[in-house]
Protein backbone atom coordinates (compact mmCIF):
# COMPACT_ATOMS: atom_id res chain seq x y z
CA MET A 1 16.33 -36.96 -5.74
CA ALA A 2 19.64 -34.85 -5.75
CA THR A 3 20.22 -32.69 -2.72
CA ASN A 4 20.23 -29.55 -4.73
CA SER A 5 16.88 -30.52 -6.30
CA ALA A 6 15.37 -31.03 -2.89
CA ARG A 7 16.49 -27.67 -1.63
CA LEU A 8 15.20 -25.94 -4.77
CA LEU A 9 11.95 -27.63 -4.42
CA ALA A 10 11.71 -26.37 -0.83
CA LEU A 11 12.36 -22.93 -2.07
CA LEU A 12 9.69 -23.34 -4.78
CA SER A 13 7.24 -24.53 -2.15
CA THR A 14 7.86 -21.47 -0.08
CA MET A 15 7.40 -19.17 -3.08
CA GLN A 16 4.19 -21.00 -4.24
CA ARG A 17 2.76 -20.53 -0.68
CA ILE A 18 3.69 -16.89 -0.71
CA ARG A 19 1.99 -16.26 -4.02
CA ALA A 20 -1.07 -18.31 -3.23
CA PHE A 21 -1.42 -16.49 0.12
CA GLU A 22 -1.18 -13.15 -1.68
CA GLU A 23 -3.43 -13.79 -4.60
CA THR A 24 -6.19 -15.42 -2.19
CA ALA A 25 -5.94 -12.39 0.04
CA MET A 26 -6.21 -10.19 -2.96
CA ALA A 27 -9.30 -11.99 -4.03
CA GLY A 28 -10.73 -11.57 -0.68
CA HIS A 29 -10.08 -7.86 -0.64
CA ALA A 30 -11.82 -7.66 -4.05
CA ALA A 31 -14.73 -9.36 -2.73
CA GLY A 32 -15.05 -6.95 0.09
CA GLU A 33 -13.97 -9.52 2.80
CA VAL A 34 -10.76 -7.90 3.86
CA PRO A 35 -10.86 -4.38 5.56
CA GLY A 36 -8.39 -2.24 3.97
CA PRO A 37 -5.83 -2.50 1.21
CA LEU A 38 -2.97 -4.96 0.98
CA HIS A 39 0.59 -4.42 -0.07
CA PRO A 40 1.47 -7.52 -2.22
CA SER A 41 4.80 -8.75 -3.15
CA ILE A 42 3.82 -10.81 -6.05
CA GLY A 43 6.82 -11.23 -8.30
CA GLN A 44 9.32 -10.87 -5.33
CA GLU A 45 9.04 -14.15 -3.84
CA ALA A 46 12.47 -15.46 -4.56
CA VAL A 47 14.00 -12.76 -2.26
CA ALA A 48 11.81 -13.78 0.82
CA ALA A 49 12.38 -17.58 0.19
CA GLY A 50 16.01 -17.48 -0.61
CA VAL A 51 17.11 -15.26 2.22
CA CYS A 52 14.92 -16.91 5.05
CA ALA A 53 15.89 -20.43 4.05
CA ASN A 54 19.34 -19.50 5.63
CA LEU A 55 17.90 -18.22 8.86
CA ARG A 56 17.39 -20.17 12.13
CA VAL A 57 14.18 -19.96 14.19
CA ASP A 58 16.06 -17.95 16.75
CA ASP A 59 17.30 -15.52 14.15
CA ARG A 60 15.21 -12.40 14.24
CA LEU A 61 13.48 -10.77 11.15
CA THR A 62 12.26 -7.23 10.67
CA SER A 63 10.24 -6.47 7.52
CA ASN A 64 8.54 -3.48 5.83
CA HIS A 65 4.98 -2.75 4.68
CA ARG A 66 5.09 -5.43 1.93
CA GLY A 67 5.98 -8.17 4.32
CA HIS A 68 3.52 -11.22 3.76
CA GLY A 69 6.32 -13.06 2.04
CA HIS A 70 8.81 -12.33 4.53
CA ALA A 71 6.63 -13.61 7.43
CA LEU A 72 5.71 -16.72 5.68
CA ALA A 73 9.29 -17.58 4.66
CA LYS A 74 10.42 -17.10 8.30
CA GLY A 75 7.80 -19.62 9.35
CA ALA A 76 4.92 -17.48 10.58
CA ASP A 77 1.54 -19.20 10.87
CA ALA A 78 -0.35 -18.58 7.79
CA ALA A 79 -3.70 -19.26 9.38
CA ARG A 80 -3.09 -16.41 12.04
CA MET A 81 -1.88 -14.20 9.26
CA MET A 82 -4.96 -14.58 7.24
CA LEU A 83 -7.03 -14.04 10.20
CA GLU A 84 -5.09 -10.98 10.87
CA LEU A 85 -5.82 -9.57 7.41
CA TYR A 86 -9.41 -10.14 7.87
CA GLY A 87 -9.36 -8.43 11.29
CA ARG A 88 -10.61 -11.41 13.18
CA ALA A 89 -9.99 -12.94 16.43
CA GLY A 90 -7.02 -15.25 16.63
CA GLY A 91 -5.07 -13.17 14.09
CA SER A 92 -1.27 -12.65 14.44
CA CYS A 93 -2.05 -9.34 16.33
CA GLY A 94 -5.36 -10.09 17.58
CA GLY A 95 -7.03 -8.80 14.50
CA LYS A 96 -5.95 -5.17 15.26
CA GLY A 97 -2.72 -4.71 13.21
CA GLY A 98 -3.73 -5.80 9.71
CA SER A 99 -1.54 -6.37 6.76
CA MET A 100 1.31 -3.92 7.60
CA HIS A 101 1.81 -5.18 11.14
CA ILE A 102 2.14 -8.93 11.03
CA ALA A 103 4.50 -10.21 13.71
CA ASP A 104 5.23 -13.63 15.05
CA PHE A 105 7.73 -13.63 17.89
CA SER A 106 7.60 -17.57 18.14
CA VAL A 107 9.59 -17.66 14.91
CA GLY A 108 11.63 -14.52 15.36
CA MET A 109 9.50 -12.47 13.11
CA LEU A 110 9.62 -8.99 14.99
CA GLY A 111 7.01 -7.40 12.72
CA ALA A 112 6.23 -5.80 9.45
CA ASN A 113 6.27 -1.93 9.42
CA GLY A 114 4.09 0.64 7.90
CA VAL A 115 6.85 3.25 8.13
CA VAL A 116 9.34 3.23 5.19
CA SER A 117 12.80 2.33 6.69
CA GLY A 118 11.19 1.78 10.13
CA GLY A 119 12.40 -1.80 10.48
CA ILE A 120 16.13 -0.74 10.11
CA PRO A 121 16.71 0.72 13.61
CA ILE A 122 14.54 -1.97 15.14
CA ALA A 123 16.77 -4.56 13.54
CA VAL A 124 19.90 -2.78 14.70
CA GLY A 125 18.74 -2.48 18.29
CA ALA A 126 17.77 -6.26 18.23
CA ALA A 127 21.18 -6.99 16.87
CA GLN A 128 22.90 -5.04 19.74
CA GLY A 129 20.89 -6.96 22.23
CA LEU A 130 21.86 -10.32 20.82
CA GLN A 131 25.40 -9.13 20.84
CA LEU A 132 25.27 -8.17 24.59
CA LEU A 133 23.86 -11.36 25.29
CA GLY A 134 26.57 -13.27 23.60
CA SER A 135 24.21 -15.16 21.16
CA ASP A 136 25.29 -16.23 17.84
CA ALA A 137 21.78 -15.55 16.41
CA ILE A 138 21.61 -12.80 13.90
CA VAL A 139 19.09 -10.29 12.66
CA CYS A 140 17.93 -10.06 9.09
CA CYS A 141 16.46 -6.63 8.09
CA MET A 142 14.46 -6.47 4.84
CA PHE A 143 13.65 -3.01 3.12
CA GLY A 144 12.94 -1.57 -0.27
CA ASP A 145 14.85 0.66 -2.49
CA GLY A 146 12.72 3.53 -1.41
CA ALA A 147 14.09 3.20 2.29
CA ILE A 148 17.69 4.10 1.33
CA ASN A 149 16.71 7.76 0.91
CA ARG A 150 15.43 7.98 4.47
CA GLY A 151 17.42 8.86 7.65
CA PRO A 152 17.13 5.62 9.36
CA PHE A 153 19.03 3.78 6.61
CA LEU A 154 22.17 5.97 7.26
CA GLU A 155 21.73 5.91 11.12
CA GLY A 156 21.09 2.33 11.25
CA LEU A 157 23.93 1.08 9.00
CA ASN A 158 26.34 3.52 10.65
CA TRP A 159 25.51 2.18 14.11
CA ALA A 160 25.76 -1.46 12.89
CA ALA A 161 29.20 -0.86 11.35
CA LEU A 162 30.46 0.91 14.36
CA TYR A 163 29.57 -1.96 16.70
CA ARG A 164 30.11 -4.74 14.20
CA LEU A 165 26.58 -5.92 14.86
CA PRO A 166 25.13 -9.24 13.46
CA VAL A 167 22.85 -7.83 10.90
CA LEU A 168 22.02 -8.96 7.29
CA PHE A 169 20.68 -5.88 5.60
CA VAL A 170 18.58 -6.85 2.59
CA CYS A 171 17.49 -4.25 0.06
CA GLU A 172 14.65 -5.70 -1.94
CA ASP A 173 14.97 -3.45 -5.00
CA ASN A 174 11.89 -3.55 -7.14
CA GLY A 175 12.87 -0.25 -8.68
CA VAL A 176 9.88 1.79 -7.64
CA ALA A 177 8.88 3.44 -4.36
CA ALA A 178 5.13 3.46 -4.40
CA PHE A 179 4.38 5.00 -7.60
CA THR A 180 7.86 6.63 -8.20
CA ALA A 181 10.78 5.25 -10.13
CA THR A 182 13.51 4.97 -7.55
CA ALA A 183 16.21 6.15 -10.01
CA SER A 184 14.44 9.41 -10.50
CA VAL A 185 14.85 10.39 -6.77
CA THR A 186 18.18 8.57 -5.80
CA ALA A 187 21.55 10.27 -6.37
CA GLY A 188 24.72 8.56 -6.90
CA PRO A 189 25.37 4.87 -7.58
CA GLY A 190 22.87 3.48 -5.26
CA VAL A 191 22.47 1.25 -2.06
CA ALA A 192 25.55 -0.83 -2.38
CA ALA A 193 27.90 2.20 -2.70
CA ARG A 194 26.12 3.83 0.08
CA ALA A 195 26.53 0.78 2.46
CA GLU A 196 30.17 0.33 1.58
CA SER A 197 30.91 4.05 2.29
CA LEU A 198 29.86 3.34 5.85
CA GLY A 199 31.96 0.09 6.13
CA VAL A 200 29.31 -2.34 5.37
CA PRO A 201 30.36 -4.83 2.58
CA ALA A 202 27.65 -5.34 -0.10
CA VAL A 203 26.87 -8.15 -2.46
CA ALA A 204 24.57 -7.80 -5.44
CA VAL A 205 22.36 -10.53 -6.70
CA ASP A 206 19.65 -11.36 -9.23
CA GLY A 207 16.48 -11.13 -6.90
CA ASN A 208 14.55 -13.29 -9.29
CA ASP A 209 16.99 -16.18 -9.18
CA ALA A 210 15.93 -18.11 -5.96
CA ALA A 211 19.13 -20.22 -6.08
CA ALA A 212 21.42 -17.33 -6.49
CA VAL A 213 19.61 -15.46 -3.56
CA ASP A 214 19.94 -18.65 -1.50
CA ALA A 215 23.72 -19.04 -2.27
CA ALA A 216 24.63 -15.33 -1.65
CA THR A 217 22.68 -15.35 1.51
CA ALA A 218 24.28 -18.60 2.89
CA ALA A 219 27.70 -16.99 2.50
CA LEU A 220 26.81 -13.66 3.89
CA VAL A 221 24.99 -15.28 7.10
CA ALA A 222 28.06 -17.50 7.64
CA THR A 223 30.30 -14.41 7.70
CA ILE A 224 27.95 -12.49 10.12
CA ARG A 225 27.49 -15.57 12.46
CA ALA A 226 31.09 -16.05 12.75
CA GLY A 227 31.57 -12.31 14.03
CA GLY A 228 32.28 -10.57 10.67
CA GLY A 229 30.00 -7.70 11.42
CA PRO A 230 26.99 -6.42 9.21
CA ARG A 231 26.54 -7.19 5.49
CA LEU A 232 24.21 -5.97 2.78
CA LEU A 233 22.52 -8.17 0.16
CA HIS A 234 21.16 -5.93 -2.82
CA ALA A 235 18.50 -8.04 -4.64
CA ARG A 236 16.97 -6.65 -7.74
CA THR A 237 13.52 -7.83 -8.52
CA TYR A 238 10.11 -6.57 -9.82
CA ARG A 239 6.73 -6.02 -8.29
CA LEU A 240 4.23 -7.49 -10.87
CA THR A 241 1.27 -5.85 -9.20
CA GLY A 242 0.35 -2.26 -8.29
CA HIS A 243 1.35 -0.40 -5.13
CA THR A 244 -1.57 -1.96 -3.08
CA SER A 245 -4.51 -4.14 -3.85
CA THR A 246 -6.66 -1.11 -4.93
CA ASP A 247 -3.88 0.11 -7.60
CA ALA A 248 -4.36 -1.38 -11.16
CA ALA A 249 -0.79 0.06 -12.06
CA THR A 250 -2.01 1.64 -15.22
CA TRP A 251 0.72 4.07 -14.67
CA ARG A 252 3.33 1.34 -15.69
CA ALA A 253 4.45 0.79 -19.24
CA THR A 254 2.70 -2.23 -20.85
CA ASP A 255 5.99 -3.52 -22.39
CA GLU A 256 7.82 -3.24 -19.03
CA VAL A 257 5.28 -5.45 -17.18
CA ALA A 258 5.31 -7.92 -19.98
CA ALA A 259 9.13 -8.27 -19.89
CA ALA A 260 8.94 -8.65 -16.09
CA ARG A 261 6.26 -11.46 -16.46
CA GLU A 262 8.73 -13.35 -18.80
CA ASN A 263 11.33 -13.09 -15.81
CA ASP A 264 8.78 -14.42 -13.11
CA PRO A 265 10.89 -16.07 -10.33
CA ILE A 266 8.51 -18.88 -9.94
CA ALA A 267 8.67 -19.87 -13.58
CA ARG A 268 12.37 -19.50 -13.66
CA LEU A 269 12.86 -21.82 -10.76
CA GLU A 270 10.46 -24.45 -12.30
CA SER A 271 12.51 -24.36 -15.42
CA VAL A 272 15.73 -25.01 -13.46
CA LEU A 273 13.96 -28.02 -11.71
CA ARG A 274 12.65 -29.49 -15.01
CA ALA A 275 16.24 -29.43 -16.35
CA GLU A 276 17.30 -31.20 -13.21
CA GLY A 277 14.68 -34.04 -14.02
CA VAL A 278 11.77 -32.99 -11.75
CA ALA A 279 8.60 -33.95 -13.54
CA GLN A 280 5.93 -31.23 -14.24
CA PRO A 281 3.20 -32.86 -12.21
CA ALA A 282 5.40 -32.52 -9.21
CA LEU A 283 5.92 -28.92 -9.69
CA ASP A 284 2.18 -28.54 -10.31
CA ALA A 285 1.36 -30.17 -7.14
CA LEU A 286 3.29 -27.59 -5.12
CA ARG A 287 1.17 -24.89 -6.70
CA ASP A 288 -2.10 -26.70 -6.27
CA ASP A 289 -1.40 -27.74 -2.57
CA ALA A 290 -0.62 -24.09 -1.84
CA LEU A 291 -3.77 -22.84 -3.45
CA ARG A 292 -5.88 -25.25 -1.57
CA GLU A 293 -4.25 -24.33 1.61
CA MET A 294 -4.74 -20.64 1.32
CA SER A 295 -8.39 -21.12 -0.07
CA ALA A 296 -9.22 -23.09 3.03
CA LEU A 297 -7.57 -20.32 5.35
CA ARG A 298 -9.68 -17.69 3.31
CA ALA A 299 -12.89 -19.56 4.09
CA HIS A 300 -11.87 -20.15 7.84
CA ALA A 301 -10.92 -16.32 8.22
CA ASN A 302 -14.21 -15.23 6.65
CA ALA A 303 -16.20 -17.32 9.13
CA ALA A 304 -14.11 -16.41 12.22
CA PRO A 305 -15.49 -14.22 14.82
CA TRP A 306 -14.73 -10.52 15.18
CA PRO A 307 -12.58 -9.72 18.28
CA ASP A 308 -14.26 -9.01 21.51
CA PRO A 309 -14.66 -5.17 21.64
CA ALA A 310 -13.22 -5.10 24.95
CA SER A 311 -9.88 -6.26 23.40
CA ALA A 312 -9.49 -2.90 21.85
CA PHE A 313 -8.00 -1.67 25.00
CA ALA A 314 -5.64 -4.48 25.68
CA ASP A 315 -1.92 -3.65 24.81
CA VAL A 316 -2.60 0.09 25.01
CA ILE A 317 -0.34 2.02 27.24
CA GLY A 318 -2.16 4.97 29.01
CA GLU A 319 -2.26 6.71 32.39
CA ASN A 320 -4.83 4.39 33.72
CA ALA A 321 -3.13 1.26 32.61
């Protein structure tokens, strides 16, 4: 198998696992098994896979409220993630954090974040720490287009540029902030122009083209790791689901969603691989393996014990701690 095909198959495998995880979790929520809504990233898998394929285990990653894909692509344990969504013992955060707070420090995943733009200052702080330690590890900071209208975006990029910190800022631009079209609330030419005005060079990429995201990220990571300072990747994509697992997204235009489904990043990558000579059964096997894996994790999480009530007071800082 050609080297390029092998890398693209690895990207596709990651994307299929992300989609299978989220579709399985969504089914669990619909069945009343998962307490609380989920923020799926179905349709955005190429960004997570293409970016994280270029990160080392010791590189750090900060995410946002839509972070299942980022965590999985960085290497976080899918079984512990599913347990966390189900609020069970053994979850990534002991079953106490849920969907928006997945973290796995063992692979450099510093955490998802329920606060829009909240991961940006965390990433910058982590990057400054790495710089002070003399490490060549970098930090990747994932956020949505809605985050660019909040103060931490300006503050974080300004600080990163001032100190030439090793940060890759990734704007996962799905065109909508919750239920609001981002263009309707964003002045000026957008995220790349704002980054460059602060001295952070930016590169735009088709976020539904996994190979393009992979290539663009590889070049940016090499520059950052060599001491080139922060960079921004602007990846345009589309969220195929509603804002959360409880949102049927009937507020979206039917033709818009239909057009987006024709641009599904998984289908696009499969088409590229078929053109390179990869047989359809091999592609189907990746999907089927991912679905079996996540179905087993759902069953395991649904049968897992609840956390010991006494653990509710663990990790809480108080005057009696």
